[in-house]
Amino acid sequence: MKELEITIAGQAGTGKSTMMLMFEKFLKEKGFTVELELDNELLDHGSDERFRRIMRENVTERELALILDTKITLKQVQMQRGD
């Protein structure tokens, strides 16, 4: 199976976690297998379940704020092909 990594980067409080969950939902709806790397979130929240529960609170408001107040730059970086 080919692997593609999407990195969401930004300063603290810019909506990275909200965007990550939006991408996860979108990609799963399209049939992709998606794995989230939640290392930073687990440090803050302790578990995947607690992180997702907290993120579900006020999700519509966070998504709307992200949409209205965020410029997103999409950047492609090609890695060397393995032999």
C-alpha atoms as a PDB file:
ATOM      1  CA  MET A   1       0.000   0.000   0.000  1.00  0.00           C
ATOM      2  CA  LYS A   2       1.320   3.468  -0.879  1.00  0.00           C
ATOM      3  CA  GLU A   3       1.652   5.976   1.926  1.00  0.00           C
ATOM      4  CA  LEU A   4       0.903   9.693   1.820  1.00  0.00           C
ATOM      5  CA  GLU A   5       1.519  11.919   4.826  1.00  0.00           C
ATOM      6  CA  ILE A   6      -0.360  15.171   5.266  1.00  0.00           C
ATOM      7  CA  THR A   7       1.171  17.537   7.809  1.00  0.00           C
ATOM      8  CA  ILE A   8      -0.866  20.332   9.344  1.00  0.00           C
ATOM      9  CA  ALA A   9       1.412  23.021  10.735  1.00  0.00           C
ATOM     10  CA  GLY A  10       0.735  26.306  12.430  1.00  0.00           C
ATOM     11  CA  GLN A  11       1.113  28.263  15.628  1.00  0.00           C
ATOM     12  CA  ALA A  12      -0.675  27.311  18.827  1.00  0.00           C
ATOM     13  CA  GLY A  13      -4.386  28.045  18.735  1.00  0.00           C
ATOM     14  CA  THR A  14      -4.668  28.271  14.938  1.00  0.00           C
ATOM     15  CA  GLY A  15      -7.046  25.291  14.542  1.00  0.00           C
ATOM     16  CA  LYS A  16      -4.637  22.492  13.664  1.00  0.00           C
ATOM     17  CA  SER A  17      -6.543  19.867  15.666  1.00  0.00           C
ATOM     18  CA  THR A  18      -9.891  21.010  14.287  1.00  0.00           C
ATOM     19  CA  MET A  19      -8.526  20.900  10.737  1.00  0.00           C
ATOM     20  CA  MET A  20      -6.989  17.472  11.327  1.00  0.00           C
ATOM     21  CA  LEU A  21     -10.338  16.061  12.419  1.00  0.00           C
ATOM     22  CA  MET A  22     -12.094  17.739   9.466  1.00  0.00           C
ATOM     23  CA  PHE A  23      -9.612  16.095   7.077  1.00  0.00           C
ATOM     24  CA  GLU A  24     -10.021  12.739   8.811  1.00  0.00           C
ATOM     25  CA  LYS A  25     -13.812  12.854   8.432  1.00  0.00           C
ATOM     26  CA  PHE A  26     -13.624  13.953   4.787  1.00  0.00           C
ATOM     27  CA  LEU A  27     -11.069  11.316   3.823  1.00  0.00           C
ATOM     28  CA  LYS A  28     -12.894   8.482   5.598  1.00  0.00           C
ATOM     29  CA  GLU A  29     -16.137   9.497   3.863  1.00  0.00           C
ATOM     30  CA  LYS A  30     -14.248   9.121   0.562  1.00  0.00           C
ATOM     31  CA  GLY A  31     -13.129   5.610   1.545  1.00  0.00           C
ATOM     32  CA  PHE A  32      -9.511   6.274   2.535  1.00  0.00           C
ATOM     33  CA  THR A  33      -7.766   4.483   5.371  1.00  0.00           C
ATOM     34  CA  VAL A  34      -6.694   7.254   7.750  1.00  0.00           C
ATOM     35  CA  GLU A  35      -4.389   7.135  10.746  1.00  0.00           C
ATOM     36  CA  LEU A  36      -4.004  10.116  13.041  1.00  0.00           C
ATOM     37  CA  GLU A  37      -0.752  10.747  14.867  1.00  0.00           C
ATOM     38  CA  LEU A  38      -1.968  12.250  18.106  1.00  0.00           C
ATOM     39  CA  ASP A  39       1.295  12.477  20.058  1.00  0.00           C
ATOM     40  CA  ASN A  40       0.880  16.161  20.991  1.00  0.00           C
ATOM     41  CA  GLU A  41      -2.830  15.806  21.705  1.00  0.00           C
ATOM     42  CA  LEU A  42      -2.223  12.796  23.959  1.00  0.00           C
ATOM     43  CA  LEU A  43       0.252  14.837  25.997  1.00  0.00           C
ATOM     44  CA  ASP A  44      -2.445  17.482  26.503  1.00  0.00           C
ATOM     45  CA  HIS A  45      -5.526  15.240  26.837  1.00  0.00           C
ATOM     46  CA  GLY A  46      -4.265  11.829  27.974  1.00  0.00           C
ATOM     47  CA  SER A  47      -6.202   9.619  25.546  1.00  0.00           C
ATOM     48  CA  ASP A  48      -7.625   9.527  22.029  1.00  0.00           C
ATOM     49  CA  GLU A  49     -11.131   9.214  23.475  1.00  0.00           C
ATOM     50  CA  ARG A  50     -10.767  12.265  25.740  1.00  0.00           C
ATOM     51  CA  PHE A  51      -9.223  14.323  22.918  1.00  0.00           C
ATOM     52  CA  ARG A  52     -12.101  13.474  20.555  1.00  0.00           C
ATOM     53  CA  ARG A  53     -14.724  14.144  23.249  1.00  0.00           C
ATOM     54  CA  ILE A  54     -13.268  17.587  23.957  1.00  0.00           C
ATOM     55  CA  MET A  55     -12.950  18.353  20.240  1.00  0.00           C
ATOM     56  CA  ARG A  56     -16.625  17.460  19.640  1.00  0.00           C
ATOM     57  CA  GLU A  57     -17.661  20.296  21.966  1.00  0.00           C
ATOM     58  CA  ASN A  58     -18.520  23.443  20.005  1.00  0.00           C
ATOM     59  CA  VAL A  59     -17.209  21.824  16.814  1.00  0.00           C
ATOM     60  CA  THR A  60     -19.452  23.903  14.538  1.00  0.00           C
ATOM     61  CA  GLU A  61     -18.284  27.156  16.113  1.00  0.00           C
ATOM     62  CA  ARG A  62     -14.610  26.140  15.860  1.00  0.00           C
ATOM     63  CA  GLU A  63     -14.998  25.072  12.236  1.00  0.00           C
ATOM     64  CA  LEU A  64     -16.751  28.337  11.331  1.00  0.00           C
ATOM     65  CA  ALA A  65     -14.073  30.410  13.077  1.00  0.00           C
ATOM     66  CA  LEU A  66     -11.412  28.422  11.215  1.00  0.00           C
ATOM     67  CA  ILE A  67     -13.132  28.978   7.870  1.00  0.00           C
ATOM     68  CA  LEU A  68     -13.644  32.715   8.391  1.00  0.00           C
ATOM     69  CA  ASP A  69     -10.274  33.562   9.913  1.00  0.00           C
ATOM     70  CA  THR A  70      -7.686  31.244   8.351  1.00  0.00           C
ATOM     71  CA  LYS A  71      -5.666  31.351   5.154  1.00  0.00           C
ATOM     72  CA  ILE A  72      -4.498  27.856   4.191  1.00  0.00           C
ATOM     73  CA  THR A  73      -1.480  27.243   1.985  1.00  0.00           C
ATOM     74  CA  LEU A  74      -1.321  23.825   0.309  1.00  0.00           C
ATOM     75  CA  LYS A  75       2.223  22.757  -0.447  1.00  0.00           C
ATOM     76  CA  GLN A  76       3.486  19.655  -2.179  1.00  0.00           C
ATOM     77  CA  VAL A  77       6.884  18.160  -1.350  1.00  0.00           C
ATOM     78  CA  GLN A  78       8.036  15.143  -3.320  1.00  0.00           C
ATOM     79  CA  MET A  79      10.178  12.637  -1.476  1.00  0.00           C
ATOM     80  CA  GLN A  80      12.804  10.477  -3.176  1.00  0.00           C
ATOM     81  CA  ARG A  81      11.314   7.272  -4.570  1.00  0.00           C
ATOM     82  CA  GLY A  82      12.410   4.075  -2.879  1.00  0.00           C
ATOM     83  CA  ASP A  83      13.966   1.383  -5.043  1.00  0.00           C
END
